[in-house]
Amino acid sequence: MILCLATALVHVLLVFLHVAPPNPVSRQYSRQVNAWVFPLFEQNWRLFAPDPESVNRQISARTMRTAPDGTAQVSGWFDLTAVDTAAVKHNPFPSHTAQNMLRRAWTSYLETHGGDDQPRSQRARMIQQYLRNIAADRVAAHRHGTFDFIQLRVISLPIAAPATAGGPRPGAAAPKPAGTRYLPWWKVAPHAAG
């Protein structure tokens, strides 16, 4: 009982220090606070000030394994986003993981890696591992065979601004063209798919 109460109090204190405005205490213990909060107790204000997506992303993965003769065998692309979409469509109570896990992992990856795919912090390495594990587990659940490496491809399709009754808004920027980003090959623990 006392251990549960102490854990609850420490949790509340650490989360409070995380969401509170910067102060000497939160700065001094920022490493400990972040170690407790991320990734499970992350706090943000998106519930009150949502940041709607301005692009649709199609995240696909392909795998590679080394054959006994030493040649690399690369699979075709597997659409991870389509798996999530199928799990949500026509489901009155879709799971949070089907709706958000892959999308949030990709958003976090963008925030921590930028455009060069180089992790510059422990959090960035953790997010990269998280994204890699999600992709590897989903491919393994839907394909047969084994693989040792995985690569992601992200196609970004801009969402056009809604048209107004009087036509396009003056000065409205034209939507950006679709973009494709290939991530590097990542080593994974050998997965037996299917």
N, C-alpha and C. Protein backbone atom coordinates (compact mmCIF):
# COMPACT_ATOMS: atom_id res chain seq x y z
N MET A 1 0.83 -1.19 0.00
CA MET A 1 0.00 0.00 0.00
C MET A 1 0.87 1.26 0.00
N ILE A 2 1.86 1.28 0.86
CA ILE A 2 2.74 2.46 0.95
C ILE A 2 3.54 2.60 -0.34
N LEU A 3 4.00 1.47 -0.91
CA LEU A 3 4.75 1.51 -2.17
C LEU A 3 3.89 2.07 -3.30
N CYS A 4 2.63 1.66 -3.37
CA CYS A 4 1.72 2.17 -4.41
C CYS A 4 1.50 3.67 -4.24
N LEU A 5 1.29 4.12 -3.02
CA LEU A 5 1.08 5.52 -2.75
C LEU A 5 2.33 6.34 -3.11
N ALA A 6 3.50 5.84 -2.73
CA ALA A 6 4.75 6.54 -3.04
C ALA A 6 4.97 6.61 -4.56
N THR A 7 4.71 5.51 -5.27
CA THR A 7 4.85 5.50 -6.73
C THR A 7 3.89 6.49 -7.37
N ALA A 8 2.66 6.53 -6.90
CA ALA A 8 1.67 7.46 -7.45
C ALA A 8 2.09 8.91 -7.22
N LEU A 9 2.60 9.21 -6.03
CA LEU A 9 3.04 10.57 -5.74
C LEU A 9 4.25 10.97 -6.60
N VAL A 10 5.20 10.06 -6.75
CA VAL A 10 6.36 10.35 -7.60
C VAL A 10 5.91 10.56 -9.04
N HIS A 11 4.99 9.73 -9.51
CA HIS A 11 4.48 9.87 -10.87
C HIS A 11 3.83 11.24 -11.07
N VAL A 12 2.96 11.64 -10.17
CA VAL A 12 2.28 12.92 -10.28
C VAL A 12 3.30 14.07 -10.27
N LEU A 13 4.28 14.00 -9.39
CA LEU A 13 5.31 15.03 -9.30
C LEU A 13 6.11 15.12 -10.61
N LEU A 14 6.54 13.98 -11.15
CA LEU A 14 7.35 13.99 -12.38
C LEU A 14 6.55 14.48 -13.58
N VAL A 15 5.29 14.08 -13.69
CA VAL A 15 4.45 14.55 -14.79
C VAL A 15 4.18 16.05 -14.63
N PHE A 16 3.97 16.49 -13.39
CA PHE A 16 3.78 17.93 -13.16
C PHE A 16 5.02 18.72 -13.59
N LEU A 17 6.20 18.24 -13.24
CA LEU A 17 7.42 18.93 -13.64
C LEU A 17 7.58 18.93 -15.15
N HIS A 18 7.07 17.90 -15.81
CA HIS A 18 7.17 17.83 -17.28
C HIS A 18 6.28 18.86 -17.95
N VAL A 19 5.03 19.03 -17.46
CA VAL A 19 4.08 19.93 -18.11
C VAL A 19 4.15 21.35 -17.59
N ALA A 20 4.78 21.56 -16.45
CA ALA A 20 4.88 22.91 -15.88
C ALA A 20 5.81 23.78 -16.72
N PRO A 21 5.61 25.09 -16.66
CA PRO A 21 6.56 25.98 -17.36
C PRO A 21 7.97 25.75 -16.83
N PRO A 22 8.97 25.98 -17.67
CA PRO A 22 10.35 25.76 -17.23
C PRO A 22 10.65 26.52 -15.93
N ASN A 23 11.29 25.82 -15.02
CA ASN A 23 11.66 26.40 -13.73
C ASN A 23 12.96 25.74 -13.27
N PRO A 24 13.59 26.27 -12.24
CA PRO A 24 14.88 25.70 -11.81
C PRO A 24 14.81 24.21 -11.46
N VAL A 25 13.75 23.78 -10.82
CA VAL A 25 13.64 22.37 -10.43
C VAL A 25 13.50 21.47 -11.65
N SER A 26 12.61 21.87 -12.59
CA SER A 26 12.42 21.03 -13.78
C SER A 26 13.67 21.01 -14.65
N ARG A 27 14.41 22.12 -14.69
CA ARG A 27 15.67 22.13 -15.44
C ARG A 27 16.71 21.23 -14.79
N GLN A 28 16.82 21.29 -13.47
CA GLN A 28 17.82 20.50 -12.76
C GLN A 28 17.57 19.00 -12.90
N TYR A 29 16.31 18.60 -12.90
CA TYR A 29 15.98 17.18 -12.96
C TYR A 29 15.38 16.77 -14.30
N SER A 30 15.67 17.52 -15.35
CA SER A 30 15.06 17.23 -16.66
C SER A 30 15.39 15.83 -17.16
N ARG A 31 16.61 15.35 -16.94
CA ARG A 31 16.97 14.02 -17.41
C ARG A 31 16.12 12.94 -16.73
N GLN A 32 15.94 13.05 -15.43
CA GLN A 32 15.13 12.07 -14.70
C GLN A 32 13.65 12.18 -15.08
N VAL A 33 13.17 13.42 -15.23
CA VAL A 33 11.77 13.63 -15.61
C VAL A 33 11.51 13.02 -16.99
N ASN A 34 12.38 13.31 -17.95
CA ASN A 34 12.19 12.77 -19.30
C ASN A 34 12.30 11.26 -19.34
N ALA A 35 13.20 10.70 -18.53
CA ALA A 35 13.32 9.23 -18.50
C ALA A 35 12.04 8.59 -17.99
N TRP A 36 11.34 9.24 -17.09
CA TRP A 36 10.09 8.69 -16.56
C TRP A 36 8.93 8.92 -17.53
N VAL A 37 8.87 10.10 -18.11
CA VAL A 37 7.70 10.48 -18.92
C VAL A 37 7.69 9.81 -20.29
N PHE A 38 8.84 9.77 -20.97
CA PHE A 38 8.87 9.24 -22.33
C PHE A 38 9.13 7.75 -22.32
N PRO A 39 8.53 6.95 -23.16
CA PRO A 39 7.50 7.28 -24.13
C PRO A 39 6.09 7.04 -23.62
N LEU A 40 5.93 6.48 -22.43
CA LEU A 40 4.60 6.04 -21.99
C LEU A 40 3.69 7.13 -21.46
N PHE A 41 4.24 8.17 -20.85
CA PHE A 41 3.40 9.17 -20.22
C PHE A 41 3.52 10.54 -20.86
N GLU A 42 3.87 10.57 -22.13
CA GLU A 42 4.06 11.84 -22.82
C GLU A 42 2.80 12.69 -22.72
N GLN A 43 2.99 13.96 -22.47
CA GLN A 43 1.88 14.90 -22.33
C GLN A 43 1.94 15.91 -23.48
N ASN A 44 0.79 16.25 -24.03
CA ASN A 44 0.74 17.33 -25.01
C ASN A 44 -0.65 17.96 -24.94
N TRP A 45 -0.81 19.04 -25.65
CA TRP A 45 -2.06 19.80 -25.59
C TRP A 45 -2.90 19.60 -26.84
N ARG A 46 -2.68 18.57 -27.61
CA ARG A 46 -3.39 18.38 -28.87
C ARG A 46 -4.89 18.17 -28.68
N LEU A 47 -5.29 17.70 -27.51
CA LEU A 47 -6.71 17.53 -27.24
C LEU A 47 -7.41 18.89 -27.28
N PHE A 48 -6.74 19.94 -26.78
CA PHE A 48 -7.35 21.25 -26.68
C PHE A 48 -7.03 22.13 -27.89
N ALA A 49 -5.94 21.87 -28.56
CA ALA A 49 -5.55 22.64 -29.74
C ALA A 49 -5.05 21.66 -30.80
N PRO A 50 -5.97 20.93 -31.42
CA PRO A 50 -5.54 19.90 -32.37
C PRO A 50 -4.78 20.48 -33.54
N ASP A 51 -3.84 19.69 -34.00
CA ASP A 51 -3.03 20.07 -35.15
C ASP A 51 -3.39 19.09 -36.26
N PRO A 52 -4.40 19.43 -37.08
CA PRO A 52 -4.85 18.47 -38.08
C PRO A 52 -3.75 18.16 -39.09
N GLU A 53 -3.78 16.95 -39.57
CA GLU A 53 -2.80 16.52 -40.57
C GLU A 53 -3.00 17.31 -41.86
N SER A 54 -1.90 17.71 -42.47
CA SER A 54 -1.98 18.41 -43.74
C SER A 54 -1.56 17.50 -44.90
N VAL A 55 -1.17 16.27 -44.56
CA VAL A 55 -0.81 15.28 -45.58
C VAL A 55 -1.33 13.91 -45.16
N ASN A 56 -1.60 13.11 -46.16
CA ASN A 56 -1.86 11.68 -45.92
C ASN A 56 -0.56 10.96 -46.19
N ARG A 57 -0.23 10.02 -45.34
CA ARG A 57 1.01 9.27 -45.52
C ARG A 57 0.70 7.79 -45.72
N GLN A 58 1.37 7.24 -46.71
CA GLN A 58 1.30 5.80 -46.93
C GLN A 58 2.67 5.24 -46.55
N ILE A 59 2.69 4.45 -45.50
CA ILE A 59 3.95 3.89 -45.01
C ILE A 59 3.99 2.42 -45.42
N SER A 60 5.03 2.08 -46.15
CA SER A 60 5.21 0.71 -46.64
C SER A 60 6.55 0.19 -46.15
N ALA A 61 6.67 -1.13 -46.11
CA ALA A 61 7.93 -1.75 -45.69
C ALA A 61 8.28 -2.87 -46.66
N ARG A 62 9.56 -3.09 -46.81
CA ARG A 62 10.04 -4.26 -47.53
C ARG A 62 11.16 -4.88 -46.69
N THR A 63 11.36 -6.15 -46.90
CA THR A 63 12.32 -6.87 -46.08
C THR A 63 13.42 -7.46 -46.95
N MET A 64 14.51 -7.81 -46.28
CA MET A 64 15.63 -8.43 -46.99
C MET A 64 16.18 -9.53 -46.08
N ARG A 65 16.59 -10.59 -46.73
CA ARG A 65 17.29 -11.66 -46.02
C ARG A 65 18.44 -12.13 -46.89
N THR A 66 19.43 -12.69 -46.24
CA THR A 66 20.57 -13.23 -46.96
C THR A 66 20.33 -14.71 -47.18
N ALA A 67 20.34 -15.11 -48.43
CA ALA A 67 20.12 -16.51 -48.79
C ALA A 67 21.36 -17.33 -48.41
N PRO A 68 21.24 -18.65 -48.32
CA PRO A 68 22.39 -19.50 -47.99
C PRO A 68 23.57 -19.33 -48.94
N ASP A 69 23.29 -18.97 -50.20
CA ASP A 69 24.40 -18.77 -51.15
C ASP A 69 25.01 -17.37 -51.05
N GLY A 70 24.53 -16.54 -50.11
CA GLY A 70 25.10 -15.23 -49.87
C GLY A 70 24.45 -14.10 -50.62
N THR A 71 23.44 -14.39 -51.46
CA THR A 71 22.76 -13.33 -52.20
C THR A 71 21.67 -12.70 -51.33
N ALA A 72 21.41 -11.44 -51.57
CA ALA A 72 20.36 -10.73 -50.85
C ALA A 72 19.03 -10.95 -51.55
N GLN A 73 18.02 -11.31 -50.79
CA GLN A 73 16.68 -11.49 -51.34
C GLN A 73 15.78 -10.41 -50.74
N VAL A 74 15.28 -9.53 -51.62
CA VAL A 74 14.47 -8.39 -51.19
C VAL A 74 13.01 -8.65 -51.56
N SER A 75 12.11 -8.43 -50.61
CA SER A 75 10.68 -8.63 -50.85
C SER A 75 10.10 -7.41 -51.56
N GLY A 76 8.86 -7.54 -51.98
CA GLY A 76 8.14 -6.39 -52.50
C GLY A 76 7.66 -5.51 -51.35
N TRP A 77 7.11 -4.36 -51.68
CA TRP A 77 6.63 -3.44 -50.65
C TRP A 77 5.33 -3.96 -50.05
N PHE A 78 5.20 -3.82 -48.73
CA PHE A 78 4.01 -4.22 -47.99
C PHE A 78 3.43 -2.95 -47.37
N ASP A 79 2.17 -2.64 -47.67
CA ASP A 79 1.53 -1.39 -47.24
C ASP A 79 1.04 -1.51 -45.80
N LEU A 80 1.82 -0.93 -44.87
CA LEU A 80 1.45 -0.96 -43.45
C LEU A 80 0.24 -0.08 -43.17
N THR A 81 0.13 1.04 -43.88
CA THR A 81 -0.99 1.95 -43.67
C THR A 81 -2.30 1.28 -44.07
N ALA A 82 -2.28 0.48 -45.12
CA ALA A 82 -3.50 -0.22 -45.55
C ALA A 82 -3.98 -1.20 -44.48
N VAL A 83 -3.06 -1.82 -43.77
CA VAL A 83 -3.44 -2.73 -42.68
C VAL A 83 -4.18 -1.95 -41.59
N ASP A 84 -3.65 -0.77 -41.23
CA ASP A 84 -4.31 0.06 -40.23
C ASP A 84 -5.68 0.53 -40.71
N THR A 85 -5.74 0.97 -41.96
CA THR A 85 -7.00 1.45 -42.52
C THR A 85 -8.05 0.34 -42.52
N ALA A 86 -7.66 -0.87 -42.89
CA ALA A 86 -8.59 -2.00 -42.90
C ALA A 86 -9.08 -2.33 -41.49
N ALA A 87 -8.21 -2.17 -40.49
CA ALA A 87 -8.60 -2.47 -39.11
C ALA A 87 -9.57 -1.43 -38.55
N VAL A 88 -9.56 -0.22 -39.12
CA VAL A 88 -10.42 0.86 -38.62
C VAL A 88 -11.73 0.95 -39.40
N LYS A 89 -11.66 0.72 -40.71
CA LYS A 89 -12.82 0.88 -41.57
C LYS A 89 -13.94 -0.08 -41.17
N HIS A 90 -15.13 0.45 -41.06
CA HIS A 90 -16.33 -0.31 -40.72
C HIS A 90 -16.26 -0.93 -39.33
N ASN A 91 -15.36 -0.47 -38.49
CA ASN A 91 -15.27 -0.97 -37.12
C ASN A 91 -15.81 0.10 -36.19
N PRO A 92 -16.93 -0.17 -35.50
CA PRO A 92 -17.50 0.87 -34.65
C PRO A 92 -16.61 1.22 -33.45
N PHE A 93 -15.73 0.31 -33.05
CA PHE A 93 -14.84 0.55 -31.91
C PHE A 93 -13.41 0.18 -32.29
N PRO A 94 -12.80 0.95 -33.21
CA PRO A 94 -11.44 0.60 -33.62
C PRO A 94 -10.45 0.82 -32.48
N SER A 95 -9.41 0.02 -32.49
CA SER A 95 -8.41 0.13 -31.43
C SER A 95 -7.56 1.38 -31.62
N HIS A 96 -7.07 1.88 -30.52
CA HIS A 96 -6.19 3.04 -30.56
C HIS A 96 -4.91 2.72 -31.33
N THR A 97 -4.42 1.50 -31.20
CA THR A 97 -3.18 1.14 -31.90
C THR A 97 -3.38 1.13 -33.40
N ALA A 98 -4.52 0.65 -33.88
CA ALA A 98 -4.77 0.64 -35.32
C ALA A 98 -4.91 2.06 -35.85
N GLN A 99 -5.45 2.95 -35.04
CA GLN A 99 -5.66 4.32 -35.50
C GLN A 99 -4.41 5.17 -35.43
N ASN A 100 -3.58 4.96 -34.43
CA ASN A 100 -2.55 5.95 -34.14
C ASN A 100 -1.12 5.45 -34.00
N MET A 101 -0.88 4.20 -33.72
CA MET A 101 0.47 3.75 -33.37
C MET A 101 1.49 4.05 -34.46
N LEU A 102 1.22 3.61 -35.66
CA LEU A 102 2.16 3.81 -36.76
C LEU A 102 2.29 5.29 -37.11
N ARG A 103 1.18 6.00 -37.17
CA ARG A 103 1.19 7.42 -37.50
C ARG A 103 1.97 8.22 -36.47
N ARG A 104 1.73 7.97 -35.19
CA ARG A 104 2.44 8.70 -34.13
C ARG A 104 3.92 8.33 -34.10
N ALA A 105 4.24 7.07 -34.37
CA ALA A 105 5.65 6.67 -34.42
C ALA A 105 6.37 7.42 -35.54
N TRP A 106 5.72 7.56 -36.70
CA TRP A 106 6.33 8.29 -37.81
C TRP A 106 6.47 9.78 -37.48
N THR A 107 5.45 10.38 -36.88
CA THR A 107 5.52 11.79 -36.50
C THR A 107 6.66 12.01 -35.51
N SER A 108 6.80 11.14 -34.55
CA SER A 108 7.90 11.25 -33.57
C SER A 108 9.24 11.08 -34.26
N TYR A 109 9.32 10.16 -35.21
CA TYR A 109 10.56 9.96 -35.97
C TYR A 109 10.95 11.24 -36.69
N LEU A 110 9.98 11.89 -37.34
CA LEU A 110 10.26 13.15 -38.04
C LEU A 110 10.76 14.22 -37.07
N GLU A 111 10.14 14.29 -35.90
CA GLU A 111 10.52 15.30 -34.92
C GLU A 111 11.94 15.08 -34.39
N THR A 112 12.36 13.84 -34.28
CA THR A 112 13.66 13.55 -33.66
C THR A 112 14.78 13.35 -34.67
N HIS A 113 14.47 13.09 -35.93
CA HIS A 113 15.51 12.79 -36.93
C HIS A 113 15.66 13.85 -38.01
N GLY A 114 14.64 14.64 -38.25
CA GLY A 114 14.74 15.60 -39.34
C GLY A 114 14.79 14.87 -40.68
N GLY A 115 15.55 15.41 -41.61
CA GLY A 115 15.58 14.86 -42.95
C GLY A 115 16.72 13.93 -43.26
N ASP A 116 17.68 13.78 -42.34
CA ASP A 116 18.86 12.98 -42.67
C ASP A 116 18.90 11.59 -42.03
N ASP A 117 17.88 11.22 -41.30
CA ASP A 117 17.75 9.89 -40.70
C ASP A 117 18.89 9.55 -39.74
N GLN A 118 19.51 10.55 -39.13
CA GLN A 118 20.58 10.31 -38.16
C GLN A 118 20.06 10.63 -36.76
N PRO A 119 20.00 9.63 -35.87
CA PRO A 119 19.56 9.92 -34.50
C PRO A 119 20.63 10.72 -33.76
N ARG A 120 20.21 11.78 -33.10
CA ARG A 120 21.16 12.64 -32.40
C ARG A 120 20.96 12.63 -30.89
N SER A 121 20.10 11.75 -30.41
CA SER A 121 19.86 11.67 -28.97
C SER A 121 19.40 10.25 -28.64
N GLN A 122 19.38 9.97 -27.36
CA GLN A 122 18.89 8.66 -26.91
C GLN A 122 17.41 8.50 -27.27
N ARG A 123 16.64 9.58 -27.14
CA ARG A 123 15.22 9.54 -27.49
C ARG A 123 15.06 9.23 -28.98
N ALA A 124 15.88 9.84 -29.83
CA ALA A 124 15.81 9.59 -31.27
C ALA A 124 16.10 8.12 -31.58
N ARG A 125 17.10 7.54 -30.90
CA ARG A 125 17.40 6.12 -31.12
C ARG A 125 16.24 5.24 -30.66
N MET A 126 15.60 5.62 -29.55
CA MET A 126 14.47 4.86 -29.04
C MET A 126 13.29 4.92 -30.02
N ILE A 127 13.01 6.11 -30.55
CA ILE A 127 11.92 6.27 -31.52
C ILE A 127 12.20 5.48 -32.79
N GLN A 128 13.46 5.49 -33.24
CA GLN A 128 13.83 4.72 -34.43
C GLN A 128 13.61 3.23 -34.18
N GLN A 129 14.01 2.75 -33.03
CA GLN A 129 13.81 1.34 -32.68
C GLN A 129 12.32 1.01 -32.58
N TYR A 130 11.54 1.93 -32.03
CA TYR A 130 10.10 1.74 -31.89
C TYR A 130 9.45 1.61 -33.27
N LEU A 131 9.78 2.52 -34.18
CA LEU A 131 9.23 2.47 -35.53
C LEU A 131 9.65 1.20 -36.25
N ARG A 132 10.92 0.84 -36.12
CA ARG A 132 11.43 -0.38 -36.74
C ARG A 132 10.69 -1.62 -36.22
N ASN A 133 10.47 -1.68 -34.90
CA ASN A 133 9.79 -2.83 -34.31
C ASN A 133 8.33 -2.93 -34.74
N ILE A 134 7.65 -1.79 -34.83
CA ILE A 134 6.26 -1.81 -35.30
C ILE A 134 6.21 -2.39 -36.71
N ALA A 135 7.07 -1.88 -37.59
CA ALA A 135 7.08 -2.34 -38.98
C ALA A 135 7.43 -3.83 -39.06
N ALA A 136 8.47 -4.26 -38.34
CA ALA A 136 8.89 -5.67 -38.40
C ALA A 136 7.80 -6.59 -37.88
N ASP A 137 7.15 -6.22 -36.79
CA ASP A 137 6.10 -7.07 -36.23
C ASP A 137 4.89 -7.17 -37.16
N ARG A 138 4.53 -6.07 -37.81
CA ARG A 138 3.38 -6.10 -38.71
C ARG A 138 3.67 -6.88 -39.98
N VAL A 139 4.88 -6.74 -40.51
CA VAL A 139 5.24 -7.52 -41.69
C VAL A 139 5.26 -9.00 -41.33
N ALA A 140 5.85 -9.35 -40.20
CA ALA A 140 5.95 -10.75 -39.77
C ALA A 140 4.56 -11.36 -39.57
N ALA A 141 3.60 -10.57 -39.15
CA ALA A 141 2.24 -11.08 -38.93
C ALA A 141 1.48 -11.34 -40.23
N HIS A 142 1.92 -10.75 -41.34
CA HIS A 142 1.17 -10.86 -42.59
C HIS A 142 1.90 -11.54 -43.74
N ARG A 143 3.17 -11.87 -43.56
CA ARG A 143 3.93 -12.49 -44.65
C ARG A 143 4.59 -13.77 -44.17
N HIS A 144 4.91 -14.63 -45.13
CA HIS A 144 5.60 -15.88 -44.82
C HIS A 144 7.09 -15.72 -45.10
N GLY A 145 7.92 -16.48 -44.41
CA GLY A 145 9.36 -16.43 -44.62
C GLY A 145 10.07 -15.72 -43.48
N THR A 146 11.37 -15.60 -43.62
CA THR A 146 12.18 -14.93 -42.60
C THR A 146 12.85 -13.71 -43.21
N PHE A 147 13.26 -12.79 -42.36
CA PHE A 147 14.00 -11.62 -42.84
C PHE A 147 14.90 -11.10 -41.73
N ASP A 148 15.95 -10.40 -42.16
CA ASP A 148 16.94 -9.87 -41.22
C ASP A 148 17.04 -8.35 -41.27
N PHE A 149 16.52 -7.73 -42.33
CA PHE A 149 16.58 -6.28 -42.49
C PHE A 149 15.21 -5.78 -42.93
N ILE A 150 14.93 -4.52 -42.61
CA ILE A 150 13.68 -3.91 -43.03
C ILE A 150 13.96 -2.48 -43.47
N GLN A 151 13.21 -2.03 -44.48
CA GLN A 151 13.32 -0.66 -44.98
C GLN A 151 11.91 -0.09 -45.09
N LEU A 152 11.76 1.18 -44.76
CA LEU A 152 10.47 1.84 -44.87
C LEU A 152 10.48 2.85 -46.01
N ARG A 153 9.32 2.98 -46.63
CA ARG A 153 9.10 4.00 -47.66
C ARG A 153 7.86 4.77 -47.23
N VAL A 154 7.96 6.09 -47.22
CA VAL A 154 6.84 6.92 -46.81
C VAL A 154 6.48 7.84 -47.97
N ILE A 155 5.26 7.68 -48.47
CA ILE A 155 4.76 8.53 -49.54
C ILE A 155 3.81 9.54 -48.89
N SER A 156 4.12 10.82 -49.06
CA SER A 156 3.31 11.89 -48.48
C SER A 156 2.46 12.51 -49.58
N LEU A 157 1.16 12.49 -49.37
CA LEU A 157 0.20 13.06 -50.33
C LEU A 157 -0.47 14.24 -49.66
N PRO A 158 -0.23 15.47 -50.13
CA PRO A 158 -0.82 16.65 -49.50
C PRO A 158 -2.34 16.63 -49.56
N ILE A 159 -2.94 17.16 -48.53
CA ILE A 159 -4.40 17.31 -48.49
C ILE A 159 -4.71 18.73 -48.95
N ALA A 160 -5.50 18.84 -49.99
CA ALA A 160 -5.83 20.16 -50.52
C ALA A 160 -6.74 20.90 -49.55
N ALA A 161 -6.57 22.20 -49.48
CA ALA A 161 -7.44 23.02 -48.63
C ALA A 161 -8.84 22.99 -49.20
N PRO A 162 -9.85 23.03 -48.33
CA PRO A 162 -11.23 23.00 -48.85
C PRO A 162 -11.52 24.25 -49.68
N ALA A 163 -12.28 24.04 -50.73
CA ALA A 163 -12.65 25.16 -51.60
C ALA A 163 -13.70 26.00 -50.90
N THR A 164 -13.67 27.28 -51.15
CA THR A 164 -14.69 28.17 -50.60
C THR A 164 -15.75 28.43 -51.66
N ALA A 165 -16.85 29.00 -51.26
CA ALA A 165 -17.94 29.24 -52.20
C ALA A 165 -17.51 30.17 -53.34
N GLY A 166 -16.63 31.10 -53.06
CA GLY A 166 -16.19 32.05 -54.09
C GLY A 166 -14.97 31.58 -54.85
N GLY A 167 -14.63 30.31 -54.79
CA GLY A 167 -13.45 29.81 -55.49
C GLY A 167 -12.26 29.75 -54.54
N PRO A 168 -11.07 29.60 -55.10
CA PRO A 168 -9.89 29.50 -54.24
C PRO A 168 -9.63 30.81 -53.48
N ARG A 169 -9.08 30.68 -52.31
CA ARG A 169 -8.77 31.86 -51.50
C ARG A 169 -7.65 32.65 -52.17
N PRO A 170 -7.73 33.95 -52.14
CA PRO A 170 -6.65 34.75 -52.71
C PRO A 170 -5.36 34.50 -51.92
N GLY A 171 -4.29 34.30 -52.64
CA GLY A 171 -3.00 34.08 -51.99
C GLY A 171 -2.81 32.69 -51.43
N ALA A 172 -3.79 31.82 -51.65
CA ALA A 172 -3.66 30.45 -51.13
C ALA A 172 -2.57 29.72 -51.91
N ALA A 173 -1.71 29.06 -51.16
CA ALA A 173 -0.60 28.35 -51.80
C ALA A 173 -1.11 27.08 -52.47
N ALA A 174 -0.53 26.77 -53.59
CA ALA A 174 -0.88 25.52 -54.27
C ALA A 174 -0.37 24.35 -53.43
N PRO A 175 -1.09 23.24 -53.42
CA PRO A 175 -0.62 22.12 -52.63
C PRO A 175 0.72 21.61 -53.13
N LYS A 176 1.53 21.16 -52.20
CA LYS A 176 2.84 20.61 -52.56
C LYS A 176 2.65 19.29 -53.29
N PRO A 177 3.57 18.95 -54.17
CA PRO A 177 3.45 17.65 -54.85
C PRO A 177 3.72 16.51 -53.88
N ALA A 178 3.30 15.34 -54.27
CA ALA A 178 3.54 14.15 -53.45
C ALA A 178 5.04 13.93 -53.33
N GLY A 179 5.46 13.46 -52.17
CA GLY A 179 6.88 13.20 -51.94
C GLY A 179 7.08 11.78 -51.43
N THR A 180 8.21 11.19 -51.78
CA THR A 180 8.54 9.83 -51.33
C THR A 180 9.86 9.87 -50.60
N ARG A 181 9.88 9.25 -49.44
CA ARG A 181 11.10 9.19 -48.63
C ARG A 181 11.42 7.74 -48.33
N TYR A 182 12.66 7.35 -48.60
CA TYR A 182 13.13 6.00 -48.31
C TYR A 182 14.04 6.06 -47.09
N LEU A 183 13.74 5.29 -46.08
CA LEU A 183 14.60 5.23 -44.91
C LEU A 183 15.69 4.20 -45.16
N PRO A 184 16.77 4.25 -44.40
CA PRO A 184 17.84 3.27 -44.61
C PRO A 184 17.39 1.87 -44.18
N TRP A 185 18.13 0.87 -44.64
CA TRP A 185 17.86 -0.50 -44.19
C TRP A 185 18.26 -0.59 -42.72
N TRP A 186 17.36 -1.21 -41.93
CA TRP A 186 17.63 -1.40 -40.50
C TRP A 186 17.73 -2.89 -40.22
N LYS A 187 18.73 -3.25 -39.45
CA LYS A 187 18.89 -4.64 -39.01
C LYS A 187 17.84 -4.93 -37.95
N VAL A 188 17.21 -6.06 -38.06
CA VAL A 188 16.23 -6.50 -37.06
C VAL A 188 16.64 -7.86 -36.55
N ALA A 189 16.13 -8.22 -35.39
CA ALA A 189 16.32 -9.58 -34.92
C ALA A 189 15.66 -10.48 -35.96
N PRO A 190 16.24 -11.63 -36.26
CA PRO A 190 15.63 -12.47 -37.29
C PRO A 190 14.15 -12.72 -37.00
N HIS A 191 13.31 -12.39 -37.96
CA HIS A 191 11.86 -12.57 -37.82
C HIS A 191 11.42 -13.74 -38.71
N ALA A 192 10.61 -14.57 -38.14
CA ALA A 192 9.96 -15.61 -38.92
C ALA A 192 8.56 -15.12 -39.21
N ALA A 193 8.30 -14.77 -40.44
CA ALA A 193 6.99 -14.24 -40.82
C ALA A 193 6.01 -15.37 -41.06
N GLY A 194 4.73 -15.03 -40.85
CA GLY A 194 3.66 -15.96 -41.14
C GLY A 194 3.47 -16.86 -40.01
